[in-house]
C-alpha atoms as a PDB file:
ATOM      1  CA  MET A   1      -0.873 -19.816  15.408  1.00  0.00           C
ATOM      2  CA  LYS A   2      -1.715 -20.830  11.862  1.00  0.00           C
ATOM      3  CA  PRO A   3      -2.435 -17.801   9.633  1.00  0.00           C
ATOM      4  CA  LEU A   4      -5.727 -17.501   7.801  1.00  0.00           C
ATOM      5  CA  THR A   5      -5.868 -17.916   4.063  1.00  0.00           C
ATOM      6  CA  PRO A   6      -7.205 -14.967   2.045  1.00  0.00           C
ATOM      7  CA  LEU A   7     -10.414 -16.934   1.426  1.00  0.00           C
ATOM      8  CA  GLN A   8     -10.901 -17.524   5.156  1.00  0.00           C
ATOM      9  CA  LYS A   9     -10.366 -13.822   5.847  1.00  0.00           C
ATOM     10  CA  GLU A  10     -12.904 -12.902   3.201  1.00  0.00           C
ATOM     11  CA  LYS A  11     -15.417 -15.347   4.713  1.00  0.00           C
ATOM     12  CA  ILE A  12     -15.034 -13.803   8.153  1.00  0.00           C
ATOM     13  CA  LEU A  13     -15.427 -10.275   6.832  1.00  0.00           C
ATOM     14  CA  SER A  14     -18.393 -11.179   4.661  1.00  0.00           C
ATOM     15  CA  ARG A  15     -20.164 -12.703   7.684  1.00  0.00           C
ATOM     16  CA  LEU A  16     -19.474  -9.643   9.801  1.00  0.00           C
ATOM     17  CA  PHE A  17     -20.384  -7.109   7.135  1.00  0.00           C
ATOM     18  CA  TRP A  18     -23.316  -8.922   5.553  1.00  0.00           C
ATOM     19  CA  ASP A  19     -25.424  -5.780   5.829  1.00  0.00           C
ATOM     20  CA  THR A  20     -23.130  -3.594   3.725  1.00  0.00           C
ATOM     21  CA  GLU A  21     -22.681  -3.439  -0.002  1.00  0.00           C
ATOM     22  CA  GLY A  22     -20.273  -5.956  -1.408  1.00  0.00           C
ATOM     23  CA  ASN A  23     -16.842  -4.565  -2.116  1.00  0.00           C
ATOM     24  CA  PRO A  24     -14.728  -6.018  -4.923  1.00  0.00           C
ATOM     25  CA  MET A  25     -11.574  -5.619  -2.781  1.00  0.00           C
ATOM     26  CA  ASP A  26     -10.113  -8.650  -1.106  1.00  0.00           C
ATOM     27  CA  ALA A  27      -9.966  -8.813   2.695  1.00  0.00           C
ATOM     28  CA  GLU A  28      -6.283  -7.879   2.892  1.00  0.00           C
ATOM     29  CA  SER A  29      -6.790  -4.756   0.792  1.00  0.00           C
ATOM     30  CA  LEU A  30      -9.924  -3.758   2.675  1.00  0.00           C
ATOM     31  CA  ILE A  31      -8.137  -3.930   6.025  1.00  0.00           C
ATOM     32  CA  GLU A  32      -5.148  -2.008   4.638  1.00  0.00           C
ATOM     33  CA  VAL A  33      -7.375   0.734   3.199  1.00  0.00           C
ATOM     34  CA  HIS A  34      -9.085   1.203   6.566  1.00  0.00           C
ATOM     35  CA  LEU A  35      -5.740   1.168   8.390  1.00  0.00           C
ATOM     36  CA  GLN A  36      -4.552   4.041   6.190  1.00  0.00           C
ATOM     37  CA  SER A  37      -7.550   6.191   7.117  1.00  0.00           C
ATOM     38  CA  LEU A  38      -8.102   5.598  10.833  1.00  0.00           C
ATOM     39  CA  GLU A  39      -9.350   9.160  11.325  1.00  0.00           C
ATOM     40  CA  ASP A  40     -12.246   8.443   8.975  1.00  0.00           C
ATOM     41  CA  ILE A  41     -15.548   7.578  10.685  1.00  0.00           C
ATOM     42  CA  GLN A  42     -16.162   4.626   8.346  1.00  0.00           C
ATOM     43  CA  SER A  43     -12.782   3.119   9.214  1.00  0.00           C
ATOM     44  CA  GLN A  44     -13.435   3.550  12.911  1.00  0.00           C
ATOM     45  CA  GLN A  45     -16.825   1.845  12.511  1.00  0.00           C
ATOM     46  CA  PHE A  46     -15.189  -0.958  10.519  1.00  0.00           C
ATOM     47  CA  PHE A  47     -12.650  -1.674  13.261  1.00  0.00           C
ATOM     48  CA  ARG A  48     -15.189  -1.203  16.064  1.00  0.00           C
ATOM     49  CA  LYS A  49     -17.291  -3.916  14.482  1.00  0.00           C
ATOM     50  CA  LEU A  50     -14.241  -6.177  14.189  1.00  0.00           C
ATOM     51  CA  LEU A  51     -13.309  -5.590  17.824  1.00  0.00           C
ATOM     52  CA  THR A  52     -16.808  -6.272  19.115  1.00  0.00           C
ATOM     53  CA  SER A  53     -17.487  -9.272  16.886  1.00  0.00           C
ATOM     54  CA  CYS A  54     -14.259 -11.288  16.777  1.00  0.00           C
ATOM     55  CA  ASP A  55     -12.384 -13.038  19.515  1.00  0.00           C
ATOM     56  CA  TRP A  56      -8.806 -11.968  20.216  1.00  0.00           C
ATOM     57  CA  TYR A  57      -7.149 -14.810  18.316  1.00  0.00           C
ATOM     58  CA  THR A  58      -9.234 -14.217  15.207  1.00  0.00           C
ATOM     59  CA  LEU A  59      -8.278 -10.540  15.358  1.00  0.00           C
ATOM     60  CA  LEU A  60      -4.602 -11.487  15.532  1.00  0.00           C
ATOM     61  CA  LYS A  61      -5.038 -13.735  12.508  1.00  0.00           C
ATOM     62  CA  LEU A  62      -6.815 -11.000  10.554  1.00  0.00           C
ATOM     63  CA  ILE A  63      -4.547  -8.130  11.570  1.00  0.00           C
ATOM     64  CA  PRO A  64      -0.903  -8.492  12.633  1.00  0.00           C
ATOM     65  CA  ALA A  65      -0.124  -7.386  16.208  1.00  0.00           C
ATOM     66  CA  GLU A  66       2.022  -4.451  15.076  1.00  0.00           C
ATOM     67  CA  LYS A  67      -0.916  -3.050  13.099  1.00  0.00           C
ATOM     68  CA  LEU A  68      -3.444  -3.947  15.772  1.00  0.00           C
ATOM     69  CA  THR A  69      -1.900  -1.386  18.101  1.00  0.00           C
ATOM     70  CA  ALA A  70      -3.031   1.379  15.739  1.00  0.00           C
ATOM     71  CA  ILE A  71      -6.597   0.110  15.942  1.00  0.00           C
ATOM     72  CA  LEU A  72      -6.582   0.068  19.731  1.00  0.00           C
ATOM     73  CA  ASP A  73      -6.742   3.848  19.792  1.00  0.00           C
ATOM     74  CA  ASP A  74      -8.951   5.694  22.287  1.00  0.00           C
ATOM     75  CA  SER A  75     -11.123   7.069  19.473  1.00  0.00           C
ATOM     76  CA  ILE A  76     -12.177   3.497  18.657  1.00  0.00           C
ATOM     77  CA  ILE A  77     -11.977   1.798  22.060  1.00  0.00           C
ATOM     78  CA  ASN A  78     -14.002   4.447  23.887  1.00  0.00           C
ATOM     79  CA  THR A  79     -17.019   3.766  21.657  1.00  0.00           C
ATOM     80  CA  ILE A  80     -17.082   0.030  22.410  1.00  0.00           C
ATOM     81  CA  PHE A  81     -19.895  -1.421  24.459  1.00  0.00           C
ATOM     82  CA  PRO A  82     -20.047  -3.260  26.909  1.00  0.00           C
ATOM     83  CA  GLN A  83     -17.689  -1.651  29.377  1.00  0.00           C
ATOM     84  CA  ASP A  84     -15.936  -4.968  30.173  1.00  0.00           C
ATOM     85  CA  LEU A  85     -14.917  -5.406  26.550  1.00  0.00           C
ATOM     86  CA  LYS A  86     -13.624  -1.843  26.433  1.00  0.00           C
ATOM     87  CA  MET A  87     -11.463  -2.514  29.499  1.00  0.00           C
ATOM     88  CA  LYS A  88     -10.099  -5.749  27.980  1.00  0.00           C
ATOM     89  CA  TYR A  89      -8.949  -3.899  24.876  1.00  0.00           C
ATOM     90  CA  LYS A  90      -7.356  -1.137  26.939  1.00  0.00           C
ATOM     91  CA  TYR A  91      -5.455  -3.819  28.841  1.00  0.00           C
ATOM     92  CA  ALA A  92      -4.461  -5.540  25.578  1.00  0.00           C
ATOM     93  CA  ARG A  93      -3.185  -2.215  24.274  1.00  0.00           C
ATOM     94  CA  THR A  94      -0.884  -1.784  27.282  1.00  0.00           C
ATOM     95  CA  ILE A  95       0.491  -5.304  26.754  1.00  0.00           C
ATOM     96  CA  LEU A  96       1.097  -4.714  23.018  1.00  0.00           C
ATOM     97  CA  TYR A  97       2.844  -1.386  23.669  1.00  0.00           C
ATOM     98  CA  ARG A  98       5.447  -3.041  25.886  1.00  0.00           C
END
């Protein structure tokens, strides 16, 4: 799988978060900041939007698999709708934890 360039990551995030104020941070830094504060409601909302808006392969390109396991926490997954998507991420979490 070919990794995304920083510009491609920023494009994806800017399309997803078009309704929020622009942040001068680059995409890599923004993801890292939210990974450091997963207990924060804003970080959980950030990752919930990523999980519900991106396909699995785009998520893996944006966030490495070892960091993606932290995002697939019950506090984030349990707030995802529809139920089918929630179940897919719970299954993905069990596969990544192996």
